[in-house]
Amino acid sequence: MADDLLQTVDALVAEEHRLRNQAPGEGLGPDERARLESVERQLDQCWDLLRRRRASAEAGQDPQQVAPRPISEVESYEH
């Protein structure tokens, strides 16, 4: 459901902000950097899924039939 996806995005954005603000001036430790990278990849995947579901709905199709693409595929796109 779109609301679930948006809630996931909100939670990931909040975590991303928390991590980015965690140690200003000092930087993040290795575990926090790895977590931030993971959150960023998950956000990319969520935004991709949201865009594709909206496009599916606009085309008159069932957006719930659109499945998430693997992170490796989403990350391979040029921005």
Protein backbone atom coordinates (compact mmCIF):
# COMPACT_ATOMS: atom_id res chain seq x y z
CA MET A 1 0.00 0.00 0.00
CA ALA A 2 1.23 3.51 -0.78
CA ASP A 3 0.81 4.65 2.82
CA ASP A 4 3.09 1.86 4.03
CA LEU A 5 5.70 2.83 1.47
CA LEU A 6 5.51 6.48 2.49
CA GLN A 7 5.83 5.51 6.16
CA THR A 8 8.94 3.51 5.30
CA VAL A 9 10.37 6.49 3.42
CA ASP A 10 9.62 8.78 6.38
CA ALA A 11 11.35 6.40 8.79
CA LEU A 12 14.39 6.04 6.55
CA VAL A 13 14.65 9.82 6.03
CA ALA A 14 14.46 10.35 9.80
CA GLU A 15 17.22 7.78 10.34
CA GLU A 16 19.33 9.35 7.60
CA HIS A 17 19.00 12.78 9.25
CA ARG A 18 19.79 11.33 12.67
CA LEU A 19 22.93 9.67 11.35
CA ARG A 20 24.06 12.76 9.45
CA ASN A 21 23.62 14.90 12.57
CA GLN A 22 25.03 12.35 15.00
CA ALA A 23 28.63 13.52 15.15
CA PRO A 24 28.98 16.94 13.56
CA GLY A 25 32.60 17.86 13.01
CA GLU A 26 33.78 14.40 14.05
CA GLY A 27 32.29 12.27 11.33
CA LEU A 28 30.70 8.87 11.68
CA GLY A 29 32.36 5.69 12.77
CA PRO A 30 32.59 2.72 10.43
CA ASP A 31 29.34 1.13 11.64
CA GLU A 32 27.40 4.37 11.31
CA ARG A 33 28.85 5.05 7.84
CA ALA A 34 27.84 1.56 6.73
CA ARG A 35 24.34 2.06 8.14
CA LEU A 36 24.03 5.46 6.42
CA GLU A 37 25.02 3.91 3.09
CA SER A 38 22.46 1.15 3.61
CA VAL A 39 19.74 3.68 4.44
CA GLU A 40 20.60 5.70 1.33
CA ARG A 41 20.35 2.59 -0.86
CA GLN A 42 17.02 1.63 0.70
CA LEU A 43 15.71 5.15 0.10
CA ASP A 44 16.74 4.98 -3.55
CA GLN A 45 14.85 1.70 -3.84
CA CYS A 46 11.75 3.14 -2.16
CA TRP A 47 11.73 6.28 -4.35
CA ASP A 48 12.10 4.11 -7.45
CA LEU A 49 9.20 1.91 -6.36
CA LEU A 50 7.04 4.93 -5.54
CA ARG A 51 7.69 6.53 -8.96
CA ARG A 52 6.96 3.27 -10.75
CA ARG A 53 3.75 2.66 -8.79
CA ARG A 54 2.52 6.18 -9.51
CA ALA A 55 3.27 5.71 -13.20
CA SER A 56 1.42 2.39 -13.15
CA ALA A 57 -1.64 4.02 -11.54
CA GLU A 58 -1.57 6.84 -14.11
CA ALA A 59 -1.54 4.21 -16.86
CA GLY A 60 -4.67 2.63 -15.39
CA GLN A 61 -2.88 -0.41 -14.02
CA ASP A 62 -2.81 -1.80 -10.49
CA PRO A 63 0.14 -0.13 -8.74
CA GLN A 64 0.24 -2.87 -6.12
CA GLN A 65 1.41 -5.28 -8.82
CA VAL A 66 4.66 -3.31 -9.17
CA ALA A 67 7.36 -5.01 -7.13
CA PRO A 68 10.52 -3.38 -5.81
CA ARG A 69 13.57 -3.72 -8.00
CA PRO A 70 16.74 -5.11 -6.43
CA ILE A 71 18.91 -2.40 -4.89
CA SER A 72 21.74 -3.40 -7.22
CA GLU A 73 19.53 -2.61 -10.22
CA VAL A 74 18.30 0.71 -8.79
CA GLU A 75 21.84 1.74 -7.88
CA SER A 76 23.09 1.04 -11.39
CA TYR A 77 20.98 3.85 -12.88
CA GLU A 78 22.75 7.03 -13.79
CA HIS A 79 21.35 10.03 -11.93
